């Protein structure tokens, strides 16, 4: 389950930034997970729960994780149809063209986080 290592790195990065901003606690983390990102949101939540219980970095049992799911979107370079592909290699459902460009769906990033001074 690579989500465990992804979450560990995500928490470390957010914690380092929060410390630079003099936060003592992270209250909420928002993460965007694309449907084609090869990250399972449910496994990410389990990994987050594990780290919450460890009390590491600046997160604790009150820290919230919000996962924003990003749907996949592609555009055919031949007929210009936009559609939701099932795979990273997108085939246009209208004309069958394989030269489609993925526009969305591969994202995995921290969108934002909220922190406090711990009081």
PDB file of N, CA and C in Angstrom:
ATOM      1  N   UNK A   1       0.855  -1.182   0.000  1.00  0.00           N
ATOM      2  CA  UNK A   1       0.000   0.000   0.000  1.00  0.00           C
ATOM      3  C   UNK A   1       0.898   1.241   0.000  1.00  0.00           C
ATOM      4  N   UNK A   2       1.099   1.829  -1.179  1.00  0.00           N
ATOM      5  CA  UNK A   2       1.975   2.995  -1.277  1.00  0.00           C
ATOM      6  C   UNK A   2       1.331   4.255  -0.699  1.00  0.00           C
ATOM      7  N   UNK A   3       0.041   4.204  -0.411  1.00  0.00           N
ATOM      8  CA  UNK A   3      -0.632   5.361   0.192  1.00  0.00           C
ATOM      9  C   UNK A   3      -0.052   5.684   1.562  1.00  0.00           C
ATOM     10  N   UNK A   4       0.462   4.680   2.269  1.00  0.00           N
ATOM     11  CA  UNK A   4       1.077   4.911   3.577  1.00  0.00           C
ATOM     12  C   UNK A   4       2.303   5.809   3.435  1.00  0.00           C
ATOM     13  N   UNK A   5       3.159   5.523   2.473  1.00  0.00           N
ATOM     14  CA  UNK A   5       4.344   6.364   2.276  1.00  0.00           C
ATOM     15  C   UNK A   5       3.967   7.729   1.703  1.00  0.00           C
ATOM     16  N   UNK A   6       2.939   7.770   0.842  1.00  0.00           N
ATOM     17  CA  UNK A   6       2.478   9.061   0.319  1.00  0.00           C
ATOM     18  C   UNK A   6       1.952   9.944   1.441  1.00  0.00           C
ATOM     19  N   UNK A   7       1.172   9.348   2.351  1.00  0.00           N
ATOM     20  CA  UNK A   7       0.617  10.118   3.456  1.00  0.00           C
ATOM     21  C   UNK A   7       1.718  10.568   4.409  1.00  0.00           C
ATOM     22  N   UNK A   8       2.703   9.717   4.661  1.00  0.00           N
ATOM     23  CA  UNK A   8       3.819  10.095   5.539  1.00  0.00           C
ATOM     24  C   UNK A   8       4.547  11.313   4.977  1.00  0.00           C
ATOM     25  N   UNK A   9       4.803  11.296   3.673  1.00  0.00           N
ATOM     26  CA  UNK A   9       5.486  12.425   3.044  1.00  0.00           C
ATOM     27  C   UNK A   9       4.609  13.677   3.032  1.00  0.00           C
ATOM     28  N   UNK A  10       3.331  13.497   2.752  1.00  0.00           N
ATOM     29  CA  UNK A  10       2.392  14.614   2.740  1.00  0.00           C
ATOM     30  C   UNK A  10       2.355  15.295   4.120  1.00  0.00           C
ATOM     31  N   UNK A  11       2.237  14.495   5.173  1.00  0.00           N
ATOM     32  CA  UNK A  11       2.192  15.046   6.536  1.00  0.00           C
ATOM     33  C   UNK A  11       3.501  15.744   6.878  1.00  0.00           C
ATOM     34  N   UNK A  12       4.612  15.154   6.465  1.00  0.00           N
ATOM     35  CA  UNK A  12       5.912  15.775   6.737  1.00  0.00           C
ATOM     36  C   UNK A  12       6.031  17.134   6.038  1.00  0.00           C
ATOM     37  N   UNK A  13       5.639  17.192   4.770  1.00  0.00           N
ATOM     38  CA  UNK A  13       5.723  18.453   4.021  1.00  0.00           C
ATOM     39  C   UNK A  13       4.830  19.534   4.625  1.00  0.00           C
ATOM     40  N   UNK A  14       3.596  19.156   4.949  1.00  0.00           N
ATOM     41  CA  UNK A  14       2.664  20.123   5.535  1.00  0.00           C
ATOM     42  C   UNK A  14       3.171  20.569   6.909  1.00  0.00           C
ATOM     43  N   UNK A  15       3.680  19.640   7.700  1.00  0.00           N
ATOM     44  CA  UNK A  15       4.185  19.977   9.040  1.00  0.00           C
ATOM     45  C   UNK A  15       5.377  20.923   8.970  1.00  0.00           C
ATOM     46  N   UNK A  16       6.286  20.675   8.038  1.00  0.00           N
ATOM     47  CA  UNK A  16       7.445  21.559   7.884  1.00  0.00           C
ATOM     48  C   UNK A  16       7.015  22.976   7.514  1.00  0.00           C
ATOM     49  N   UNK A  17       6.064  23.080   6.589  1.00  0.00           N
ATOM     50  CA  UNK A  17       5.567  24.403   6.207  1.00  0.00           C
ATOM     51  C   UNK A  17       4.841  25.065   7.375  1.00  0.00           C
ATOM     52  N   UNK A  18       4.042  24.288   8.098  1.00  0.00           N
ATOM     53  CA  UNK A  18       3.291  24.831   9.238  1.00  0.00           C
ATOM     54  C   UNK A  18       4.241  25.340  10.324  1.00  0.00           C
ATOM     55  N   UNK A  19       5.340  24.625  10.572  1.00  0.00           N
ATOM     56  CA  UNK A  19       6.317  25.066  11.575  1.00  0.00           C
ATOM     57  C   UNK A  19       6.963  26.386  11.164  1.00  0.00           C
ATOM     58  N   UNK A  20       7.231  26.546   9.872  1.00  0.00           N
ATOM     59  CA  UNK A  20       7.799  27.803   9.374  1.00  0.00           C
ATOM     60  C   UNK A  20       6.838  28.963   9.576  1.00  0.00           C
ATOM     61  N   UNK A  21       5.561  28.665   9.631  1.00  0.00           N
ATOM     62  CA  UNK A  21       4.532  29.691   9.838  1.00  0.00           C
ATOM     63  C   UNK A  21       4.139  29.808  11.312  1.00  0.00           C
ATOM     64  N   UNK A  22       4.907  29.147  12.173  1.00  0.00           N
ATOM     65  CA  UNK A  22       4.726  29.177  13.633  1.00  0.00           C
ATOM     66  C   UNK A  22       3.427  28.519  14.102  1.00  0.00           C
ATOM     67  N   UNK A  23       2.898  27.581  13.314  1.00  0.00           N
ATOM     68  CA  UNK A  23       1.744  26.805  13.767  1.00  0.00           C
ATOM     69  C   UNK A  23       2.230  25.717  14.717  1.00  0.00           C
ATOM     70  N   UNK A  24       1.426  25.410  15.692  1.00  0.00           N
ATOM     71  CA  UNK A  24       1.730  24.336  16.643  1.00  0.00           C
ATOM     72  C   UNK A  24       0.897  23.091  16.343  1.00  0.00           C
ATOM     73  N   UNK A  25      -0.145  23.268  15.529  1.00  0.00           N
ATOM     74  CA  UNK A  25      -1.081  22.183  15.248  1.00  0.00           C
ATOM     75  C   UNK A  25      -1.667  22.375  13.855  1.00  0.00           C
ATOM     76  N   UNK A  26      -1.896  21.253  13.179  1.00  0.00           N
ATOM     77  CA  UNK A  26      -2.593  21.281  11.894  1.00  0.00           C
ATOM     78  C   UNK A  26      -4.031  20.864  12.162  1.00  0.00           C
ATOM     79  N   UNK A  27      -4.971  21.716  11.769  1.00  0.00           N
ATOM     80  CA  UNK A  27      -6.392  21.460  12.021  1.00  0.00           C
ATOM     81  C   UNK A  27      -7.070  20.702  10.881  1.00  0.00           C
ATOM     82  N   UNK A  28      -6.652  20.987   9.646  1.00  0.00           N
ATOM     83  CA  UNK A  28      -7.319  20.399   8.494  1.00  0.00           C
ATOM     84  C   UNK A  28      -6.358  20.366   7.315  1.00  0.00           C
ATOM     85  N   UNK A  29      -6.422  19.274   6.552  1.00  0.00           N
ATOM     86  CA  UNK A  29      -5.638  19.148   5.320  1.00  0.00           C
ATOM     87  C   UNK A  29      -6.601  18.785   4.202  1.00  0.00           C
ATOM     88  N   UNK A  30      -6.540  19.536   3.099  1.00  0.00           N
ATOM     89  CA  UNK A  30      -7.344  19.230   1.913  1.00  0.00           C
ATOM     90  C   UNK A  30      -6.413  18.698   0.835  1.00  0.00           C
ATOM     91  N   UNK A  31      -6.749  17.533   0.294  1.00  0.00           N
ATOM     92  CA  UNK A  31      -5.927  16.880  -0.716  1.00  0.00           C
ATOM     93  C   UNK A  31      -6.785  16.606  -1.946  1.00  0.00           C
ATOM     94  N   UNK A  32      -6.241  16.892  -3.119  1.00  0.00           N
ATOM     95  CA  UNK A  32      -6.921  16.563  -4.369  1.00  0.00           C
ATOM     96  C   UNK A  32      -6.360  15.232  -4.867  1.00  0.00           C
ATOM     97  N   UNK A  33      -7.274  14.295  -5.157  1.00  0.00           N
ATOM     98  CA  UNK A  33      -6.886  12.980  -5.656  1.00  0.00           C
ATOM     99  C   UNK A  33      -7.638  12.730  -6.965  1.00  0.00           C
ATOM    100  N   UNK A  34      -6.901  12.663  -8.049  1.00  0.00           N
ATOM    101  CA  UNK A  34      -7.502  12.395  -9.353  1.00  0.00           C
ATOM    102  C   UNK A  34      -7.842  10.930  -9.529  1.00  0.00           C
ATOM    103  N   UNK A  35      -8.888  10.670 -10.290  1.00  0.00           N
ATOM    104  CA  UNK A  35      -9.340   9.292 -10.492  1.00  0.00           C
ATOM    105  C   UNK A  35      -8.323   8.449 -11.263  1.00  0.00           C
ATOM    106  N   UNK A  36      -7.385   9.085 -11.964  1.00  0.00           N
ATOM    107  CA  UNK A  36      -6.344   8.366 -12.694  1.00  0.00           C
ATOM    108  C   UNK A  36      -4.963   8.537 -12.056  1.00  0.00           C
ATOM    109  N   UNK A  37      -4.925   8.956 -10.800  1.00  0.00           N
ATOM    110  CA  UNK A  37      -3.649   9.246 -10.129  1.00  0.00           C
ATOM    111  C   UNK A  37      -2.969   8.021  -9.540  1.00  0.00           C
ATOM    112  N   UNK A  38      -3.622   6.875  -9.576  1.00  0.00           N
ATOM    113  CA  UNK A  38      -3.109   5.648  -8.958  1.00  0.00           C
ATOM    114  C   UNK A  38      -3.000   5.762  -7.444  1.00  0.00           C
ATOM    115  N   UNK A  39      -3.807   6.628  -6.848  1.00  0.00           N
ATOM    116  CA  UNK A  39      -3.900   6.764  -5.396  1.00  0.00           C
ATOM    117  C   UNK A  39      -5.334   6.413  -5.009  1.00  0.00           C
ATOM    118  N   UNK A  40      -5.471   5.503  -4.067  1.00  0.00           N
ATOM    119  CA  UNK A  40      -6.796   5.100  -3.604  1.00  0.00           C
ATOM    120  C   UNK A  40      -7.208   5.970  -2.418  1.00  0.00           C
ATOM    121  N   UNK A  41      -8.263   6.778  -2.579  1.00  0.00           N
ATOM    122  CA  UNK A  41      -8.684   7.663  -1.491  1.00  0.00           C
ATOM    123  C   UNK A  41      -8.967   6.926  -0.180  1.00  0.00           C
ATOM    124  N   UNK A  42      -9.580   5.752  -0.261  1.00  0.00           N
ATOM    125  CA  UNK A  42      -9.897   4.998   0.953  1.00  0.00           C
ATOM    126  C   UNK A  42      -8.619   4.566   1.679  1.00  0.00           C
ATOM    127  N   UNK A  43      -7.628   4.118   0.931  1.00  0.00           N
ATOM    128  CA  UNK A  43      -6.351   3.716   1.533  1.00  0.00           C
ATOM    129  C   UNK A  43      -5.625   4.930   2.104  1.00  0.00           C
ATOM    130  N   UNK A  44      -5.764   6.076   1.452  1.00  0.00           N
ATOM    131  CA  UNK A  44      -5.167   7.309   1.961  1.00  0.00           C
ATOM    132  C   UNK A  44      -5.789   7.687   3.299  1.00  0.00           C
ATOM    133  N   UNK A  45      -7.097   7.519   3.421  1.00  0.00           N
ATOM    134  CA  UNK A  45      -7.791   7.799   4.685  1.00  0.00           C
ATOM    135  C   UNK A  45      -7.321   6.862   5.798  1.00  0.00           C
ATOM    136  N   UNK A  46      -7.120   5.594   5.479  1.00  0.00           N
ATOM    137  CA  UNK A  46      -6.625   4.638   6.473  1.00  0.00           C
ATOM    138  C   UNK A  46      -5.219   5.025   6.931  1.00  0.00           C
ATOM    139  N   UNK A  47      -4.377   5.408   5.991  1.00  0.00           N
ATOM    140  CA  UNK A  47      -3.018   5.833   6.332  1.00  0.00           C
ATOM    141  C   UNK A  47      -3.057   7.081   7.216  1.00  0.00           C
ATOM    142  N   UNK A  48      -3.935   8.019   6.890  1.00  0.00           N
ATOM    143  CA  UNK A  48      -4.066   9.232   7.696  1.00  0.00           C
ATOM    144  C   UNK A  48      -4.501   8.890   9.119  1.00  0.00           C
ATOM    145  N   UNK A  49      -5.466   7.988   9.240  1.00  0.00           N
ATOM    146  CA  UNK A  49      -5.935   7.556  10.550  1.00  0.00           C
ATOM    147  C   UNK A  49      -4.788   6.951  11.359  1.00  0.00           C
ATOM    148  N   UNK A  50      -3.961   6.157  10.722  1.00  0.00           N
ATOM    149  CA  UNK A  50      -2.808   5.563  11.393  1.00  0.00           C
ATOM    150  C   UNK A  50      -1.899   6.661  11.958  1.00  0.00           C
ATOM    151  N   UNK A  51      -1.569   7.651  11.138  1.00  0.00           N
ATOM    152  CA  UNK A  51      -0.671   8.717  11.592  1.00  0.00           C
ATOM    153  C   UNK A  51      -1.329   9.605  12.646  1.00  0.00           C
ATOM    154  N   UNK A  52      -2.629   9.758  12.570  1.00  0.00           N
ATOM    155  CA  UNK A  52      -3.338  10.491  13.631  1.00  0.00           C
ATOM    156  C   UNK A  52      -3.123   9.807  14.977  1.00  0.00           C
ATOM    157  N   UNK A  53      -3.226   8.502  14.997  1.00  0.00           N
ATOM    158  CA  UNK A  53      -3.082   7.742  16.243  1.00  0.00           C
ATOM    159  C   UNK A  53      -1.658   7.783  16.770  1.00  0.00           C
ATOM    160  N   UNK A  54      -0.688   7.976  15.886  1.00  0.00           N
ATOM    161  CA  UNK A  54       0.714   8.035  16.293  1.00  0.00           C
ATOM    162  C   UNK A  54       1.047   9.371  16.955  1.00  0.00           C
ATOM    163  N   UNK A  55       0.250  10.398  16.641  1.00  0.00           N
ATOM    164  CA  UNK A  55       0.502  11.727  17.211  1.00  0.00           C
ATOM    165  C   UNK A  55       1.808  12.340  16.730  1.00  0.00           C
ATOM    166  N   UNK A  56       2.219  11.957  15.528  1.00  0.00           N
ATOM    167  CA  UNK A  56       3.461  12.481  14.975  1.00  0.00           C
ATOM    168  C   UNK A  56       3.231  13.818  14.296  1.00  0.00           C
ATOM    169  N   UNK A  57       4.316  14.524  14.116  1.00  0.00           N
ATOM    170  CA  UNK A  57       4.294  15.823  13.441  1.00  0.00           C
ATOM    171  C   UNK A  57       3.307  16.748  14.153  1.00  0.00           C
ATOM    172  N   UNK A  58       2.512  17.466  13.420  1.00  0.00           N
ATOM    173  CA  UNK A  58       1.591  18.431  14.022  1.00  0.00           C
ATOM    174  C   UNK A  58       0.134  18.000  13.897  1.00  0.00           C
ATOM    175  N   UNK A  59      -0.097  16.724  13.632  1.00  0.00           N
ATOM    176  CA  UNK A  59      -1.485  16.249  13.539  1.00  0.00           C
ATOM    177  C   UNK A  59      -1.844  15.438  14.775  1.00  0.00           C
ATOM    178  N   UNK A  60      -3.128  15.413  15.072  1.00  0.00           N
ATOM    179  CA  UNK A  60      -3.628  14.601  16.180  1.00  0.00           C
ATOM    180  C   UNK A  60      -5.012  14.075  15.810  1.00  0.00           C
ATOM    181  N   UNK A  61      -5.710  13.499  16.769  1.00  0.00           N
ATOM    182  CA  UNK A  61      -7.009  12.874  16.488  1.00  0.00           C
ATOM    183  C   UNK A  61      -8.078  13.878  16.061  1.00  0.00           C
ATOM    184  N   UNK A  62      -7.843  15.172  16.285  1.00  0.00           N
ATOM    185  CA  UNK A  62      -8.817  16.189  15.877  1.00  0.00           C
ATOM    186  C   UNK A  62      -8.539  16.745  14.484  1.00  0.00           C
ATOM    187  N   UNK A  63      -7.383  16.442  13.929  1.00  0.00           N
ATOM    188  CA  UNK A  63      -7.040  16.920  12.596  1.00  0.00           C
ATOM    189  C   UNK A  63      -7.945  16.251  11.564  1.00  0.00           C
ATOM    190  N   UNK A  64      -8.465  17.051  10.648  1.00  0.00           N
ATOM    191  CA  UNK A  64      -9.380  16.545   9.626  1.00  0.00           C
ATOM    192  C   UNK A  64      -8.649  16.386   8.301  1.00  0.00           C
ATOM    193  N   UNK A  65      -9.011  15.352   7.579  1.00  0.00           N
ATOM    194  CA  UNK A  65      -8.526  15.156   6.220  1.00  0.00           C
ATOM    195  C   UNK A  65      -9.722  15.259   5.290  1.00  0.00           C
ATOM    196  N   UNK A  66      -9.647  16.169   4.332  1.00  0.00           N
ATOM    197  CA  UNK A  66     -10.701  16.273   3.327  1.00  0.00           C
ATOM    198  C   UNK A  66     -10.100  15.892   1.988  1.00  0.00           C
ATOM    199  N   UNK A  67     -10.665  14.865   1.376  1.00  0.00           N
ATOM    200  CA  UNK A  67     -10.204  14.417   0.068  1.00  0.00           C
ATOM    201  C   UNK A  67     -11.169  14.935  -0.985  1.00  0.00           C
ATOM    202  N   UNK A  68     -10.632  15.714  -1.900  1.00  0.00           N
ATOM    203  CA  UNK A  68     -11.407  16.252  -3.018  1.00  0.00           C
ATOM    204  C   UNK A  68     -11.100  15.363  -4.219  1.00  0.00           C
ATOM    205  N   UNK A  69     -12.112  14.687  -4.703  1.00  0.00           N
ATOM    206  CA  UNK A  69     -11.915  13.768  -5.821  1.00  0.00           C
ATOM    207  C   UNK A  69     -12.031  14.522  -7.145  1.00  0.00           C
ATOM    208  N   UNK A  70     -11.039  14.321  -7.987  1.00  0.00           N
ATOM    209  CA  UNK A  70     -11.008  14.973  -9.292  1.00  0.00           C
ATOM    210  C   UNK A  70     -11.335  13.943 -10.377  1.00  0.00           C
ATOM    211  N   UNK A  71     -12.398  14.190 -11.094  1.00  0.00           N
ATOM    212  CA  UNK A  71     -12.788  13.291 -12.185  1.00  0.00           C
ATOM    213  C   UNK A  71     -11.820  13.444 -13.356  1.00  0.00           C
ATOM    214  N   UNK A  72     -11.662  12.384 -14.096  1.00  0.00           N
ATOM    215  CA  UNK A  72     -10.812  12.430 -15.286  1.00  0.00           C
ATOM    216  C   UNK A  72     -11.527  13.173 -16.407  1.00  0.00           C
ATOM    217  N   UNK A  73     -10.744  13.876 -17.203  1.00  0.00           N
ATOM    218  CA  UNK A  73     -11.305  14.616 -18.338  1.00  0.00           C
ATOM    219  C   UNK A  73     -10.259  14.600 -19.454  1.00  0.00           C
ATOM    220  N   UNK A  74     -10.705  14.305 -20.644  1.00  0.00           N
ATOM    221  CA  UNK A  74      -9.806  14.274 -21.805  1.00  0.00           C
ATOM    222  C   UNK A  74     -10.459  15.001 -22.965  1.00  0.00           C
ATOM    223  N   UNK A  75      -9.614  15.382 -23.930  1.00  0.00           N
ATOM    224  CA  UNK A  75     -10.120  16.070 -25.121  1.00  0.00           C
ATOM    225  C   UNK A  75      -9.497  15.413 -26.349  1.00  0.00           C
ATOM    226  N   UNK A  76     -10.347  15.066 -27.280  1.00  0.00           N
ATOM    227  CA  UNK A  76      -9.897  14.472 -28.534  1.00  0.00           C
ATOM    228  C   UNK A  76      -9.240  15.565 -29.382  1.00  0.00           C
ATOM    229  N   UNK A  77      -8.064  15.288 -29.886  1.00  0.00           N
ATOM    230  CA  UNK A  77      -7.349  16.256 -30.703  1.00  0.00           C
ATOM    231  C   UNK A  77      -7.835  16.259 -32.161  1.00  0.00           C
ATOM    232  N   UNK A  78      -8.691  15.296 -32.489  1.00  0.00           N
ATOM    233  CA  UNK A  78      -9.215  15.205 -33.857  1.00  0.00           C
ATOM    234  C   UNK A  78     -10.589  15.859 -33.975  1.00  0.00           C
ATOM    235  N   UNK A  79     -11.561  15.393 -33.154  1.00  0.00           N
ATOM    236  CA  UNK A  79     -12.930  15.925 -33.269  1.00  0.00           C
ATOM    237  C   UNK A  79     -13.259  16.941 -32.166  1.00  0.00           C
ATOM    238  N   UNK A  80     -12.323  17.153 -31.232  1.00  0.00           N
ATOM    239  CA  UNK A  80     -12.407  18.132 -30.143  1.00  0.00           C
ATOM    240  C   UNK A  80     -13.459  17.810 -29.080  1.00  0.00           C
ATOM    241  N   UNK A  81     -13.951  16.575 -29.081  1.00  0.00           N
ATOM    242  CA  UNK A  81     -14.919  16.169 -28.060  1.00  0.00           C
ATOM    243  C   UNK A  81     -14.206  16.035 -26.709  1.00  0.00           C
ATOM    244  N   UNK A  82     -14.836  16.539 -25.650  1.00  0.00           N
ATOM    245  CA  UNK A  82     -14.351  16.344 -24.294  1.00  0.00           C
ATOM    246  C   UNK A  82     -15.152  15.210 -23.655  1.00  0.00           C
ATOM    247  N   UNK A  83     -14.472  14.335 -22.921  1.00  0.00           N
ATOM    248  CA  UNK A  83     -15.118  13.170 -22.332  1.00  0.00           C
ATOM    249  C   UNK A  83     -14.359  12.724 -21.090  1.00  0.00           C
ATOM    250  N   UNK A  84     -14.963  11.798 -20.349  1.00  0.00           N
ATOM    251  CA  UNK A  84     -14.348  11.249 -19.151  1.00  0.00           C
ATOM    252  C   UNK A  84     -13.757   9.876 -19.483  1.00  0.00           C
ATOM    253  N   UNK A  85     -12.421   9.786 -19.568  1.00  0.00           N
ATOM    254  CA  UNK A  85     -11.797   8.513 -19.915  1.00  0.00           C
ATOM    255  C   UNK A  85     -11.728   7.567 -18.715  1.00  0.00           C
ATOM    256  N   UNK A  86     -11.623   6.282 -19.014  1.00  0.00           N
ATOM    257  CA  UNK A  86     -11.474   5.280 -17.972  1.00  0.00           C
ATOM    258  C   UNK A  86     -10.002   5.000 -17.665  1.00  0.00           C
ATOM    259  N   UNK A  87      -9.135   5.316 -18.599  1.00  0.00           N
ATOM    260  CA  UNK A  87      -7.708   5.008 -18.477  1.00  0.00           C
ATOM    261  C   UNK A  87      -6.880   6.213 -18.885  1.00  0.00           C
ATOM    262  N   UNK A  88      -5.586   6.160 -18.557  1.00  0.00           N
ATOM    263  CA  UNK A  88      -4.694   7.254 -18.921  1.00  0.00           C
ATOM    264  C   UNK A  88      -4.476   7.338 -20.424  1.00  0.00           C
ATOM    265  N   UNK A  89      -4.588   6.215 -21.105  1.00  0.00           N
ATOM    266  CA  UNK A  89      -4.557   6.235 -22.570  1.00  0.00           C
ATOM    267  C   UNK A  89      -6.015   6.364 -23.013  1.00  0.00           C
ATOM    268  N   UNK A  90      -6.376   7.570 -23.388  1.00  0.00           N
ATOM    269  CA  UNK A  90      -7.775   7.883 -23.668  1.00  0.00           C
ATOM    270  C   UNK A  90      -8.100   7.691 -25.149  1.00  0.00           C
ATOM    271  N   UNK A  91      -9.164   6.964 -25.405  1.00  0.00           N
ATOM    272  CA  UNK A  91      -9.657   6.752 -26.768  1.00  0.00           C
ATOM    273  C   UNK A  91     -10.989   7.482 -26.889  1.00  0.00           C
ATOM    274  N   UNK A  92     -11.099   8.314 -27.894  1.00  0.00           N
ATOM    275  CA  UNK A  92     -12.318   9.099 -28.090  1.00  0.00           C
ATOM    276  C   UNK A  92     -13.512   8.189 -28.357  1.00  0.00           C
ATOM    277  N   UNK A  93     -14.584   8.348 -27.573  1.00  0.00           N
ATOM    278  CA  UNK A  93     -15.776   7.511 -27.787  1.00  0.00           C
ATOM    279  C   UNK A  93     -16.562   7.896 -29.042  1.00  0.00           C
ATOM    280  N   UNK A  94     -16.281   9.091 -29.581  1.00  0.00           N
ATOM    281  CA  UNK A  94     -17.022   9.558 -30.758  1.00  0.00           C
ATOM    282  C   UNK A  94     -16.359   9.102 -32.063  1.00  0.00           C
ATOM    283  N   UNK A  95     -15.043   9.336 -32.166  1.00  0.00           N
ATOM    284  CA  UNK A  95     -14.378   9.049 -33.440  1.00  0.00           C
ATOM    285  C   UNK A  95     -13.325   7.938 -33.350  1.00  0.00           C
ATOM    286  N   UNK A  96     -13.030   7.461 -32.127  1.00  0.00           N
ATOM    287  CA  UNK A  96     -12.072   6.379 -31.967  1.00  0.00           C
ATOM    288  C   UNK A  96     -10.608   6.794 -32.003  1.00  0.00           C
ATOM    289  N   UNK A  97     -10.341   8.085 -32.068  1.00  0.00           N
ATOM    290  CA  UNK A  97      -8.971   8.608 -32.123  1.00  0.00           C
ATOM    291  C   UNK A  97      -8.237   8.306 -30.812  1.00  0.00           C
ATOM    292  N   UNK A  98      -6.988   7.911 -30.928  1.00  0.00           N
ATOM    293  CA  UNK A  98      -6.191   7.600 -29.732  1.00  0.00           C
ATOM    294  C   UNK A  98      -5.295   8.760 -29.310  1.00  0.00           C
ATOM    295  N   UNK A  99      -5.278   9.814 -30.082  1.00  0.00           N
ATOM    296  CA  UNK A  99      -4.437  10.967 -29.764  1.00  0.00           C
ATOM    297  C   UNK A  99      -5.157  11.978 -28.889  1.00  0.00           C
ATOM    298  N   UNK A 100      -5.714  11.508 -27.790  1.00  0.00           N
ATOM    299  CA  UNK A 100      -6.465  12.385 -26.895  1.00  0.00           C
ATOM    300  C   UNK A 100      -5.576  12.906 -25.781  1.00  0.00           C
ATOM    301  N   UNK A 101      -5.839  14.122 -25.373  1.00  0.00           N
ATOM    302  CA  UNK A 101      -5.051  14.772 -24.329  1.00  0.00           C
ATOM    303  C   UNK A 101      -5.794  14.709 -23.000  1.00  0.00           C
ATOM    304  N   UNK A 102      -5.121  14.207 -21.967  1.00  0.00           N
ATOM    305  CA  UNK A 102      -5.708  14.227 -20.632  1.00  0.00           C
ATOM    306  C   UNK A 102      -5.653  15.645 -20.087  1.00  0.00           C
ATOM    307  N   UNK A 103      -6.786  16.147 -19.639  1.00  0.00           N
ATOM    308  CA  UNK A 103      -6.862  17.498 -19.099  1.00  0.00           C
ATOM    309  C   UNK A 103      -6.891  17.490 -17.577  1.00  0.00           C
ATOM    310  N   UNK A 104      -7.535  16.491 -16.987  1.00  0.00           N
ATOM    311  CA  UNK A 104      -7.669  16.384 -15.534  1.00  0.00           C
ATOM    312  C   UNK A 104      -7.727  14.912 -15.149  1.00  0.00           C
ATOM    313  N   UNK A 105      -7.451  14.658 -13.870  1.00  0.00           N
ATOM    314  CA  UNK A 105      -7.624  13.311 -13.355  1.00  0.00           C
ATOM    315  C   UNK A 105      -6.366  12.651 -12.839  1.00  0.00           C
ATOM    316  N   UNK A 106      -5.200  13.230 -13.114  1.00  0.00           N
ATOM    317  CA  UNK A 106      -3.945  12.642 -12.647  1.00  0.00           C
ATOM    318  C   UNK A 106      -3.382  13.347 -11.411  1.00  0.00           C
ATOM    319  N   UNK A 107      -4.110  14.296 -10.891  1.00  0.00           N
ATOM    320  CA  UNK A 107      -3.628  15.127  -9.794  1.00  0.00           C
ATOM    321  C   UNK A 107      -3.537  14.369  -8.477  1.00  0.00           C
ATOM    322  N   UNK A 108      -2.467  14.619  -7.758  1.00  0.00           N
ATOM    323  CA  UNK A 108      -2.359  14.239  -6.350  1.00  0.00           C
ATOM    324  C   UNK A 108      -1.546  15.339  -5.695  1.00  0.00           C
ATOM    325  N   UNK A 109      -2.230  16.193  -4.916  1.00  0.00           N
ATOM    326  CA  UNK A 109      -1.529  17.312  -4.280  1.00  0.00           C
ATOM    327  C   UNK A 109      -2.309  17.832  -3.085  1.00  0.00           C
ATOM    328  N   UNK A 110      -1.592  18.541  -2.236  1.00  0.00           N
ATOM    329  CA  UNK A 110      -2.221  19.241  -1.132  1.00  0.00           C
ATOM    330  C   UNK A 110      -2.815  20.514  -1.710  1.00  0.00           C
ATOM    331  N   UNK A 111      -4.116  20.673  -1.567  1.00  0.00           N
ATOM    332  CA  UNK A 111      -4.792  21.878  -2.041  1.00  0.00           C
ATOM    333  C   UNK A 111      -4.611  23.005  -1.030  1.00  0.00           C
ATOM    334  N   UNK A 112      -4.772  22.669   0.256  1.00  0.00           N
ATOM    335  CA  UNK A 112      -4.595  23.663   1.306  1.00  0.00           C
ATOM    336  C   UNK A 112      -4.526  22.955   2.650  1.00  0.00           C
ATOM    337  N   UNK A 113      -4.155  23.715   3.660  1.00  0.00           N
ATOM    338  CA  UNK A 113      -4.230  23.222   5.023  1.00  0.00           C
ATOM    339  C   UNK A 113      -4.491  24.382   5.950  1.00  0.00           C
ATOM    340  N   UNK A 114      -5.044  24.068   7.113  1.00  0.00           N
ATOM    341  CA  UNK A 114      -5.309  25.080   8.131  1.00  0.00           C
ATOM    342  C   UNK A 114      -4.553  24.677   9.370  1.00  0.00           C
ATOM    343  N   UNK A 115      -3.977  25.645  10.020  1.00  0.00           N
ATOM    344  CA  UNK A 115      -3.249  25.382  11.258  1.00  0.00           C
ATOM    345  C   UNK A 115      -3.576  26.418  12.310  1.00  0.00           C
ATOM    346  N   UNK A 116      -3.104  26.148  13.515  1.00  0.00           N
ATOM    347  CA  UNK A 116      -3.344  27.073  14.613  1.00  0.00           C
ATOM    348  C   UNK A 116      -2.153  27.058  15.565  1.00  0.00           C
ATOM    349  N   UNK A 117      -2.193  27.969  16.528  1.00  0.00           N
ATOM    350  CA  UNK A 117      -1.100  28.042  17.504  1.00  0.00           C
ATOM    351  C   UNK A 117      -1.287  27.051  18.645  1.00  0.00           C
ATOM    352  N   UNK A 118      -2.323  26.242  18.549  1.00  0.00           N
ATOM    353  CA  UNK A 118      -2.536  25.181  19.526  1.00  0.00           C
ATOM    354  C   UNK A 118      -3.365  25.558  20.726  1.00  0.00           C
ATOM    355  N   UNK A 119      -3.834  26.791  20.787  1.00  0.00           N
ATOM    356  CA  UNK A 119      -4.645  27.217  21.936  1.00  0.00           C
ATOM    357  C   UNK A 119      -6.112  27.048  21.670  1.00  0.00           C
TER     358      UNK A 119
END
